[in-house]
């Protein structure tokens, strides 16, 4: 994934990150299909590079949802090359951008995890018989 839009300063990226989070969050509240969307990207001063997990939505839906943030470009990658793509995206960040803040890549990273529904491992039984506690009199 690549979103091309130049931002003047790192503070502008913080606003852009919040705007993207809000955009995905809004769509998650509107449609359950968006809950499986995941986005991990790094800002290199010019654009966002990273990985996108579409889950149950189409590329057209994603592109139209984030079109306001810049020119969105998507390309498929093989599952075997995910590690290489993550490394390439993280290395696109210049050392001058990450040296002034704590957390190395955190000030220039956006991460939106897919929502996972909690599943109970123990089956829930509707009728439970609870034995009375013994009482010593």
C-alpha atoms as a PDB file:
ATOM      1  CA  UNK A   1       0.000   0.000   0.000  1.00  0.00           C
ATOM      2  CA  UNK A   2       1.103   3.535  -0.681  1.00  0.00           C
ATOM      3  CA  UNK A   3      -0.713   6.803   0.030  1.00  0.00           C
ATOM      4  CA  UNK A   4       1.006   9.677  -1.752  1.00  0.00           C
ATOM      5  CA  UNK A   5       0.449  13.091  -0.174  1.00  0.00           C
ATOM      6  CA  UNK A   6       3.214  15.404   0.957  1.00  0.00           C
ATOM      7  CA  UNK A   7       2.886  16.845   4.432  1.00  0.00           C
ATOM      8  CA  UNK A   8       4.872  19.893   5.572  1.00  0.00           C
ATOM      9  CA  UNK A   9       5.883  18.675   9.047  1.00  0.00           C
ATOM     10  CA  UNK A  10       5.712  15.730  11.449  1.00  0.00           C
ATOM     11  CA  UNK A  11       2.943  17.518  13.359  1.00  0.00           C
ATOM     12  CA  UNK A  12       0.834  17.390  10.187  1.00  0.00           C
ATOM     13  CA  UNK A  13       1.380  13.625  10.066  1.00  0.00           C
ATOM     14  CA  UNK A  14      -0.043  13.314  13.585  1.00  0.00           C
ATOM     15  CA  UNK A  15      -3.242  14.985  12.356  1.00  0.00           C
ATOM     16  CA  UNK A  16      -3.292  12.771   9.257  1.00  0.00           C
ATOM     17  CA  UNK A  17      -2.845   9.654  11.409  1.00  0.00           C
ATOM     18  CA  UNK A  18      -5.817  10.629  13.577  1.00  0.00           C
ATOM     19  CA  UNK A  19      -7.894  11.378  10.495  1.00  0.00           C
ATOM     20  CA  UNK A  20      -7.156   7.945   8.984  1.00  0.00           C
ATOM     21  CA  UNK A  21      -7.950   6.236  12.310  1.00  0.00           C
ATOM     22  CA  UNK A  22     -11.237   8.141  12.502  1.00  0.00           C
ATOM     23  CA  UNK A  23     -12.101   7.259   8.911  1.00  0.00           C
ATOM     24  CA  UNK A  24     -11.576   3.529   9.471  1.00  0.00           C
ATOM     25  CA  UNK A  25     -13.327   3.682  12.852  1.00  0.00           C
ATOM     26  CA  UNK A  26     -16.363   5.372  11.295  1.00  0.00           C
ATOM     27  CA  UNK A  27     -16.625   2.704   8.618  1.00  0.00           C
ATOM     28  CA  UNK A  28     -16.277  -0.039  11.242  1.00  0.00           C
ATOM     29  CA  UNK A  29     -19.290   1.390  13.044  1.00  0.00           C
ATOM     30  CA  UNK A  30     -21.243   1.504   9.765  1.00  0.00           C
ATOM     31  CA  UNK A  31     -20.371  -1.964   8.446  1.00  0.00           C
ATOM     32  CA  UNK A  32     -19.128  -5.114  10.143  1.00  0.00           C
ATOM     33  CA  UNK A  33     -17.043  -5.949   7.058  1.00  0.00           C
ATOM     34  CA  UNK A  34     -14.584  -3.202   7.986  1.00  0.00           C
ATOM     35  CA  UNK A  35     -13.708  -4.879  11.292  1.00  0.00           C
ATOM     36  CA  UNK A  36     -11.269  -7.207   9.508  1.00  0.00           C
ATOM     37  CA  UNK A  37      -9.296  -4.338   7.906  1.00  0.00           C
ATOM     38  CA  UNK A  38      -5.719  -3.923   9.119  1.00  0.00           C
ATOM     39  CA  UNK A  39      -3.252  -1.173   8.185  1.00  0.00           C
ATOM     40  CA  UNK A  40       0.416  -0.829   9.116  1.00  0.00           C
ATOM     41  CA  UNK A  41       2.297   2.041   7.455  1.00  0.00           C
ATOM     42  CA  UNK A  42       5.274   4.364   7.939  1.00  0.00           C
ATOM     43  CA  UNK A  43       5.506   7.994   6.848  1.00  0.00           C
ATOM     44  CA  UNK A  44       8.782   8.869   5.133  1.00  0.00           C
ATOM     45  CA  UNK A  45       8.154  12.610   4.837  1.00  0.00           C
ATOM     46  CA  UNK A  46       6.477  12.319   1.435  1.00  0.00           C
ATOM     47  CA  UNK A  47       4.025   9.432   1.605  1.00  0.00           C
ATOM     48  CA  UNK A  48       2.864   6.419   3.579  1.00  0.00           C
ATOM     49  CA  UNK A  49       4.323   3.014   2.737  1.00  0.00           C
ATOM     50  CA  UNK A  50       3.084  -0.136   4.346  1.00  0.00           C
ATOM     51  CA  UNK A  51       0.887  -3.179   4.414  1.00  0.00           C
ATOM     52  CA  UNK A  52      -2.849  -3.454   4.202  1.00  0.00           C
ATOM     53  CA  UNK A  53      -5.066  -6.380   5.076  1.00  0.00           C
ATOM     54  CA  UNK A  54      -8.386  -5.861   3.319  1.00  0.00           C
ATOM     55  CA  UNK A  55     -10.211  -8.724   4.988  1.00  0.00           C
ATOM     56  CA  UNK A  56     -13.785  -8.691   3.694  1.00  0.00           C
ATOM     57  CA  UNK A  57     -13.811  -5.393   1.808  1.00  0.00           C
ATOM     58  CA  UNK A  58     -12.786  -4.742  -1.793  1.00  0.00           C
ATOM     59  CA  UNK A  59      -9.908  -2.600  -2.978  1.00  0.00           C
ATOM     60  CA  UNK A  60     -12.395  -0.146  -4.481  1.00  0.00           C
ATOM     61  CA  UNK A  61     -14.080   0.349  -1.087  1.00  0.00           C
ATOM     62  CA  UNK A  62     -10.754   1.013   0.616  1.00  0.00           C
ATOM     63  CA  UNK A  63      -9.509   3.401  -2.053  1.00  0.00           C
ATOM     64  CA  UNK A  64     -12.743   5.401  -2.058  1.00  0.00           C
ATOM     65  CA  UNK A  65     -12.730   5.590   1.759  1.00  0.00           C
ATOM     66  CA  UNK A  66      -9.191   6.970   1.988  1.00  0.00           C
ATOM     67  CA  UNK A  67      -9.143   9.023  -1.207  1.00  0.00           C
ATOM     68  CA  UNK A  68      -9.350  12.276   0.797  1.00  0.00           C
ATOM     69  CA  UNK A  69      -5.954  11.526   2.371  1.00  0.00           C
ATOM     70  CA  UNK A  70      -4.097  11.351  -0.932  1.00  0.00           C
ATOM     71  CA  UNK A  71      -3.518   9.165  -3.970  1.00  0.00           C
ATOM     72  CA  UNK A  72      -3.951   5.563  -2.764  1.00  0.00           C
ATOM     73  CA  UNK A  73      -1.978   2.897  -4.617  1.00  0.00           C
ATOM     74  CA  UNK A  74      -2.365  -0.794  -3.870  1.00  0.00           C
ATOM     75  CA  UNK A  75      -0.482  -3.791  -5.183  1.00  0.00           C
ATOM     76  CA  UNK A  76      -0.821  -7.428  -4.149  1.00  0.00           C
ATOM     77  CA  UNK A  77       2.072  -9.166  -2.421  1.00  0.00           C
ATOM     78  CA  UNK A  78       2.713 -12.824  -1.750  1.00  0.00           C
ATOM     79  CA  UNK A  79       2.455 -14.067   1.825  1.00  0.00           C
ATOM     80  CA  UNK A  80       6.076 -15.246   1.616  1.00  0.00           C
ATOM     81  CA  UNK A  81       7.325 -11.683   1.064  1.00  0.00           C
ATOM     82  CA  UNK A  82       5.472  -9.941   3.918  1.00  0.00           C
ATOM     83  CA  UNK A  83       8.598  -9.703   6.077  1.00  0.00           C
ATOM     84  CA  UNK A  84      10.575  -8.126   3.231  1.00  0.00           C
ATOM     85  CA  UNK A  85       7.790  -5.609   2.520  1.00  0.00           C
ATOM     86  CA  UNK A  86       7.541  -4.583   6.196  1.00  0.00           C
ATOM     87  CA  UNK A  87      11.301  -4.115   6.380  1.00  0.00           C
ATOM     88  CA  UNK A  88      11.311  -2.077   3.152  1.00  0.00           C
ATOM     89  CA  UNK A  89       8.475   0.172   4.389  1.00  0.00           C
ATOM     90  CA  UNK A  90      10.112   0.753   7.784  1.00  0.00           C
ATOM     91  CA  UNK A  91      13.493   1.466   6.182  1.00  0.00           C
ATOM     92  CA  UNK A  92      11.923   4.133   3.945  1.00  0.00           C
ATOM     93  CA  UNK A  93      11.808   6.432   7.002  1.00  0.00           C
ATOM     94  CA  UNK A  94      14.858   8.704   7.109  1.00  0.00           C
ATOM     95  CA  UNK A  95      16.991   8.680  10.285  1.00  0.00           C
ATOM     96  CA  UNK A  96      16.479  12.442  10.745  1.00  0.00           C
ATOM     97  CA  UNK A  97      12.733  11.959  11.167  1.00  0.00           C
ATOM     98  CA  UNK A  98      12.967   9.326  13.869  1.00  0.00           C
ATOM     99  CA  UNK A  99      16.003  10.532  15.857  1.00  0.00           C
ATOM    100  CA  UNK A 100      14.313  13.385  17.749  1.00  0.00           C
ATOM    101  CA  UNK A 101      11.541  11.321  19.296  1.00  0.00           C
ATOM    102  CA  UNK A 102      11.443   8.352  21.610  1.00  0.00           C
ATOM    103  CA  UNK A 103      10.193   5.059  20.298  1.00  0.00           C
ATOM    104  CA  UNK A 104      12.226   4.973  17.057  1.00  0.00           C
ATOM    105  CA  UNK A 105       9.480   4.435  14.447  1.00  0.00           C
ATOM    106  CA  UNK A 106       6.389   5.142  16.571  1.00  0.00           C
ATOM    107  CA  UNK A 107       6.039   8.888  15.771  1.00  0.00           C
ATOM    108  CA  UNK A 108       6.002   8.108  12.038  1.00  0.00           C
ATOM    109  CA  UNK A 109       3.950   4.904  12.114  1.00  0.00           C
ATOM    110  CA  UNK A 110       0.240   4.253  11.799  1.00  0.00           C
ATOM    111  CA  UNK A 111      -1.144   0.940  12.951  1.00  0.00           C
ATOM    112  CA  UNK A 112      -4.793  -0.099  12.756  1.00  0.00           C
ATOM    113  CA  UNK A 113      -5.269  -3.686  13.863  1.00  0.00           C
ATOM    114  CA  UNK A 114      -8.132  -5.901  12.689  1.00  0.00           C
ATOM    115  CA  UNK A 115     -10.790  -6.347  15.346  1.00  0.00           C
ATOM    116  CA  UNK A 116     -11.029  -9.916  16.616  1.00  0.00           C
ATOM    117  CA  UNK A 117     -14.195 -11.106  18.312  1.00  0.00           C
ATOM    118  CA  UNK A 118     -13.607 -12.939  21.563  1.00  0.00           C
ATOM    119  CA  UNK A 119     -14.579 -16.585  21.392  1.00  0.00           C
ATOM    120  CA  UNK A 120     -15.297 -18.537  24.525  1.00  0.00           C
ATOM    121  CA  UNK A 121     -13.465 -21.865  24.713  1.00  0.00           C
ATOM    122  CA  UNK A 122     -15.939 -23.225  27.266  1.00  0.00           C
ATOM    123  CA  UNK A 123     -19.445 -23.855  25.976  1.00  0.00           C
ATOM    124  CA  UNK A 124     -22.049 -21.805  27.768  1.00  0.00           C
ATOM    125  CA  UNK A 125     -24.795 -23.917  29.310  1.00  0.00           C
ATOM    126  CA  UNK A 126     -28.184 -22.289  29.765  1.00  0.00           C
ATOM    127  CA  UNK A 127     -29.342 -24.368  32.722  1.00  0.00           C
ATOM    128  CA  UNK A 128     -26.876 -24.920  35.516  1.00  0.00           C
ATOM    129  CA  UNK A 129     -27.597 -26.998  38.541  1.00  0.00           C
ATOM    130  CA  UNK A 130     -25.788 -25.626  41.556  1.00  0.00           C
ATOM    131  CA  UNK A 131     -25.595 -27.947  44.497  1.00  0.00           C
ATOM    132  CA  UNK A 132     -26.191 -26.398  47.913  1.00  0.00           C
ATOM    133  CA  UNK A 133     -23.181 -25.971  50.134  1.00  0.00           C
ATOM    134  CA  UNK A 134     -23.055 -28.289  53.135  1.00  0.00           C
ATOM    135  CA  UNK A 135     -23.800 -26.603  56.415  1.00  0.00           C
ATOM    136  CA  UNK A 136     -22.594 -27.812  59.814  1.00  0.00           C
ATOM    137  CA  UNK A 137     -25.143 -27.215  62.525  1.00  0.00           C
END
